[in-house]
Amino acid sequence: MSHLHSCSGVGSNSRKLLKLRVVGEPKDSDDNIGNSTGGHMHRQPSSFPDLSSWEILKTVILDGCCELEEIGYNTLAPSLESFSFTSNTATKIKSISFRGCVTLKSLLLKGLFDMLEELDMSGTSVKTLDLSEIQALHLRRLPLLGCEKLRAILWPEQKDELIMLEVLRIDHITHALWAREDSKQDATGESTSAESPSAAVHGNSQALTNIDSYRDPRLFRSLCKHRI
């Protein structure tokens, strides 16, 4: 991950890649480096490098990047179509944003994501959001604005892995309209999606609103199976 930070800028040959795979270093290897040299132990970067200038990157695979804490807004390549993040050990990731990745169709999250608080899928082309393979007990915010192709959300089946959301925002407006509304929101700091077909949930006790605005009943059924 450290090397990726140093070669992610404009002018780097890495920007010509179609597929990027990042394998996290085992924690034991960091400990060994520190003990054998007597110097400072190497620390992995906590933030994901800026790949927004990688115009042809299609696939990103993260394997065991447990020290990563954030994948920020406007960090991933706009051409991204597939993203995978798997880990056999507990991760430190707190926030993942795919906002604006309009070509993103495939997403795989698998492993222990107990520190994850926000997953922003706004503006993506994902049809099925599969959360069944992750343990994310502290996931509280799930924005799904401008996800016009979204048809279903798959939740964890085990009771001890249930996700108790505090904020769920769904909006089925088109990508182009969503982009304009998102720009207005960035400029004013206020939400502008109140007049669009949407559903918003804040807190565990409130029910979904504007149920009849869903284009596909499969999405509504997947929400009904989950206790928000």
Protein backbone atom coordinates (compact mmCIF):
# COMPACT_ATOMS: atom_id res chain seq x y z
CA MET A 1 0.00 0.00 0.00
CA SER A 2 2.91 2.37 0.74
CA HIS A 3 4.33 1.80 -2.75
CA LEU A 4 0.89 2.45 -4.25
CA HIS A 5 0.71 5.83 -2.54
CA SER A 6 4.02 6.85 -4.10
CA CYS A 7 3.08 5.86 -7.66
CA SER A 8 -0.58 6.88 -7.82
CA GLY A 9 -0.08 10.46 -9.04
CA VAL A 10 -0.43 12.00 -12.48
CA GLY A 11 2.36 10.87 -14.80
CA SER A 12 2.78 7.46 -13.22
CA ASN A 13 2.87 4.43 -15.53
CA SER A 14 0.58 2.66 -13.07
CA ARG A 15 -2.27 4.82 -14.35
CA LYS A 16 -2.33 2.60 -17.46
CA LEU A 17 -3.38 -0.48 -15.48
CA LEU A 18 -6.74 -2.14 -16.09
CA LYS A 19 -6.60 -4.29 -12.95
CA LEU A 20 -5.05 -3.56 -9.57
CA ARG A 21 -4.56 -6.07 -6.76
CA VAL A 22 -3.24 -5.03 -3.35
CA VAL A 23 -2.24 -7.68 -0.80
CA GLY A 24 -1.83 -6.52 2.77
CA GLU A 25 1.31 -7.39 4.70
CA PRO A 26 0.84 -9.81 7.62
CA LYS A 27 1.04 -8.19 11.03
CA ASP A 28 3.77 -10.65 12.02
CA SER A 29 6.04 -9.35 9.28
CA ASP A 30 5.82 -5.83 10.69
CA ASP A 31 6.69 -7.12 14.14
CA ASN A 32 9.68 -9.04 12.82
CA ILE A 33 11.03 -5.96 11.07
CA GLY A 34 10.84 -3.94 14.23
CA ASN A 35 12.41 -6.60 16.42
CA SER A 36 15.26 -7.52 14.10
CA THR A 37 16.42 -4.00 13.28
CA GLY A 38 15.72 -2.34 16.60
CA GLY A 39 14.22 0.62 14.71
CA HIS A 40 10.69 1.85 14.21
CA MET A 41 8.17 -0.72 13.11
CA HIS A 42 6.83 -0.13 9.59
CA ARG A 43 3.25 1.12 9.56
CA GLN A 44 0.87 0.60 6.69
CA PRO A 45 -0.99 3.71 5.41
CA SER A 46 -4.46 4.06 6.90
CA SER A 47 -6.00 5.82 3.89
CA PHE A 48 -6.44 4.53 0.36
CA PRO A 49 -4.34 6.30 -2.31
CA ASP A 50 -5.96 8.70 -4.77
CA LEU A 51 -6.74 6.77 -7.96
CA SER A 52 -9.15 9.35 -9.38
CA SER A 53 -6.77 10.07 -12.29
CA TRP A 54 -6.54 6.39 -13.31
CA GLU A 55 -8.88 6.72 -16.28
CA ILE A 56 -8.89 3.12 -17.55
CA LEU A 57 -8.73 1.14 -14.29
CA LYS A 58 -11.58 -1.41 -14.25
CA THR A 59 -10.90 -3.73 -11.33
CA VAL A 60 -9.58 -3.27 -7.79
CA ILE A 61 -8.92 -6.23 -5.49
CA LEU A 62 -7.92 -5.73 -1.85
CA ASP A 63 -6.78 -8.86 -0.04
CA GLY A 64 -6.05 -8.71 3.67
CA CYS A 65 -5.55 -4.93 3.87
CA CYS A 66 -6.59 -4.96 7.52
CA GLU A 67 -4.76 -1.72 8.45
CA LEU A 68 -6.72 0.36 5.95
CA GLU A 69 -9.14 2.74 7.72
CA GLU A 70 -10.74 4.76 4.95
CA ILE A 71 -11.53 4.74 1.25
CA GLY A 72 -12.60 8.32 0.79
CA TYR A 73 -14.99 10.12 -1.56
CA ASN A 74 -13.57 10.72 -5.06
CA THR A 75 -10.62 8.43 -4.36
CA LEU A 76 -11.43 5.51 -6.64
CA ALA A 77 -11.11 5.57 -10.43
CA PRO A 78 -14.27 6.82 -12.21
CA SER A 79 -13.91 3.95 -14.70
CA LEU A 80 -14.10 1.31 -11.94
CA GLU A 81 -16.40 -1.63 -12.75
CA SER A 82 -15.48 -4.23 -10.12
CA PHE A 83 -14.29 -3.93 -6.52
CA SER A 84 -13.37 -6.67 -4.05
CA PHE A 85 -12.26 -6.37 -0.41
CA THR A 86 -11.70 -9.60 1.52
CA SER A 87 -9.91 -10.28 4.79
CA ASN A 88 -9.56 -13.30 7.06
CA THR A 89 -8.64 -11.08 10.01
CA ALA A 90 -10.41 -8.11 11.60
CA THR A 91 -10.12 -4.94 9.53
CA LYS A 92 -9.85 -1.34 10.72
CA ILE A 93 -11.85 0.13 7.85
CA LYS A 94 -14.38 2.71 9.07
CA SER A 95 -15.66 4.30 5.88
CA ILE A 96 -15.91 3.22 2.25
CA SER A 97 -17.21 5.56 -0.45
CA PHE A 98 -18.05 4.52 -4.00
CA ARG A 99 -19.96 7.76 -4.57
CA GLY A 100 -19.76 8.77 -8.21
CA CYS A 101 -18.37 5.44 -9.49
CA VAL A 102 -21.17 5.29 -12.05
CA THR A 103 -19.78 2.24 -13.89
CA LEU A 104 -19.35 0.09 -10.75
CA LYS A 105 -21.39 -3.09 -11.28
CA SER A 106 -19.73 -5.75 -9.14
CA LEU A 107 -18.94 -5.49 -5.42
CA LEU A 108 -17.56 -8.18 -3.12
CA LEU A 109 -17.08 -7.53 0.59
CA LYS A 110 -16.14 -10.55 2.68
CA GLY A 111 -14.73 -10.90 6.17
CA LEU A 112 -14.67 -9.07 9.50
CA PHE A 113 -15.63 -5.40 9.09
CA ASP A 114 -16.71 -4.69 12.65
CA MET A 115 -15.33 -1.13 12.61
CA LEU A 116 -17.12 -0.17 9.39
CA GLU A 117 -19.60 2.65 10.09
CA GLU A 118 -20.49 3.97 6.63
CA LEU A 119 -20.79 2.41 3.18
CA ASP A 120 -21.70 4.94 0.49
CA MET A 121 -22.91 3.33 -2.75
CA SER A 122 -24.45 6.50 -4.21
CA GLY A 123 -24.40 6.83 -7.98
CA THR A 124 -23.20 3.28 -8.71
CA SER A 125 -24.66 0.74 -11.17
CA VAL A 126 -24.80 -2.16 -8.72
CA LYS A 127 -27.95 -4.28 -9.16
CA THR A 128 -27.55 -6.44 -6.06
CA LEU A 129 -25.80 -5.14 -2.95
CA ASP A 130 -24.52 -8.29 -1.26
CA LEU A 131 -23.71 -7.80 2.43
CA SER A 132 -24.28 -11.44 3.34
CA GLU A 133 -20.57 -12.31 3.55
CA ILE A 134 -19.46 -9.58 5.94
CA GLN A 135 -19.68 -9.11 9.68
CA ALA A 136 -20.31 -5.38 10.09
CA LEU A 137 -21.98 -4.97 13.46
CA HIS A 138 -21.28 -1.22 13.62
CA LEU A 139 -22.45 -0.28 10.13
CA ARG A 140 -24.84 2.62 10.72
CA ARG A 141 -25.05 4.63 7.49
CA LEU A 142 -25.88 3.25 4.06
CA PRO A 143 -26.49 5.97 1.41
CA LEU A 144 -27.89 4.61 -1.86
CA LEU A 145 -28.68 7.82 -3.73
CA GLY A 146 -28.94 7.67 -7.52
CA CYS A 147 -28.73 3.85 -7.60
CA GLU A 148 -31.29 3.50 -10.39
CA LYS A 149 -30.30 -0.12 -11.17
CA LEU A 150 -30.42 -1.40 -7.58
CA ARG A 151 -32.88 -4.29 -7.26
CA ALA A 152 -31.98 -6.07 -4.02
CA ILE A 153 -29.94 -5.93 -0.84
CA LEU A 154 -28.73 -9.22 0.63
CA TRP A 155 -28.28 -9.10 4.41
CA PRO A 156 -26.33 -11.46 6.73
CA GLU A 157 -28.37 -14.52 7.66
CA GLN A 158 -26.92 -15.15 11.13
CA LYS A 159 -28.68 -13.35 13.99
CA ASP A 160 -25.38 -12.48 15.67
CA GLU A 161 -24.26 -10.72 12.46
CA LEU A 162 -27.36 -8.56 11.89
CA ILE A 163 -26.73 -5.00 10.75
CA MET A 164 -28.67 -2.37 12.73
CA LEU A 165 -28.71 0.71 10.51
CA GLU A 166 -29.42 4.20 11.81
CA VAL A 167 -29.54 5.92 8.42
CA LEU A 168 -30.65 4.32 5.14
CA ARG A 169 -31.11 6.65 2.17
CA ILE A 170 -32.44 5.28 -1.12
CA ASP A 171 -33.12 7.31 -4.23
CA HIS A 172 -33.92 5.93 -7.68
CA ILE A 173 -33.35 9.07 -9.75
CA THR A 174 -31.13 8.71 -12.81
CA HIS A 175 -27.35 9.11 -12.69
CA ALA A 176 -27.40 12.42 -14.57
CA LEU A 177 -30.05 13.97 -12.34
CA TRP A 178 -28.37 12.59 -9.22
CA ALA A 179 -25.05 14.12 -10.27
CA ARG A 180 -26.68 17.53 -10.63
CA GLU A 181 -28.47 17.19 -7.30
CA ASP A 182 -25.25 16.03 -5.64
CA SER A 183 -23.41 19.08 -6.97
CA LYS A 184 -26.11 21.33 -5.53
CA GLN A 185 -25.83 19.58 -2.20
CA ASP A 186 -22.06 20.03 -2.14
CA ALA A 187 -22.50 23.73 -2.88
CA THR A 188 -25.28 24.44 -0.38
CA GLY A 189 -24.60 21.80 2.25
CA GLU A 190 -28.27 20.82 2.15
CA SER A 191 -30.04 17.78 0.78
CA THR A 192 -31.96 18.40 -2.47
CA SER A 193 -33.50 14.97 -3.01
CA ALA A 194 -36.75 15.59 -1.15
CA GLU A 195 -38.84 15.79 -4.34
CA SER A 196 -37.40 12.69 -5.99
CA PRO A 197 -38.66 9.09 -5.62
CA SER A 198 -36.89 8.12 -2.44
CA ALA A 199 -37.02 6.47 0.93
CA ALA A 200 -35.18 7.60 4.02
CA VAL A 201 -34.87 5.96 7.39
CA HIS A 202 -33.37 7.64 10.45
CA GLY A 203 -33.27 5.63 13.65
CA ASN A 204 -34.54 2.15 14.49
CA SER A 205 -38.16 3.04 15.21
CA GLN A 206 -39.26 4.79 12.02
CA ALA A 207 -40.81 3.07 9.04
CA LEU A 208 -39.96 3.42 5.35
CA THR A 209 -41.81 6.18 3.48
CA ASN A 210 -42.88 6.56 -0.16
CA ILE A 211 -43.03 2.80 -0.55
CA ASP A 212 -44.93 3.05 -3.86
CA SER A 213 -42.01 4.90 -5.47
CA TYR A 214 -39.87 1.77 -5.82
CA ARG A 215 -39.49 0.64 -9.40
CA ASP A 216 -38.86 -2.99 -8.53
CA PRO A 217 -40.68 -4.83 -5.70
CA ARG A 218 -37.64 -7.06 -5.19
CA LEU A 219 -35.80 -4.17 -3.56
CA PHE A 220 -38.67 -3.50 -1.17
CA ARG A 221 -38.87 -7.19 -0.25
CA SER A 222 -35.16 -7.25 0.56
CA LEU A 223 -35.69 -4.28 2.89
CA CYS A 224 -38.65 -5.93 4.59
CA LYS A 225 -36.50 -8.93 5.47
CA HIS A 226 -34.14 -6.70 7.43
CA ARG A 227 -34.90 -5.00 10.69
CA ILE A 228 -33.75 -1.41 10.37
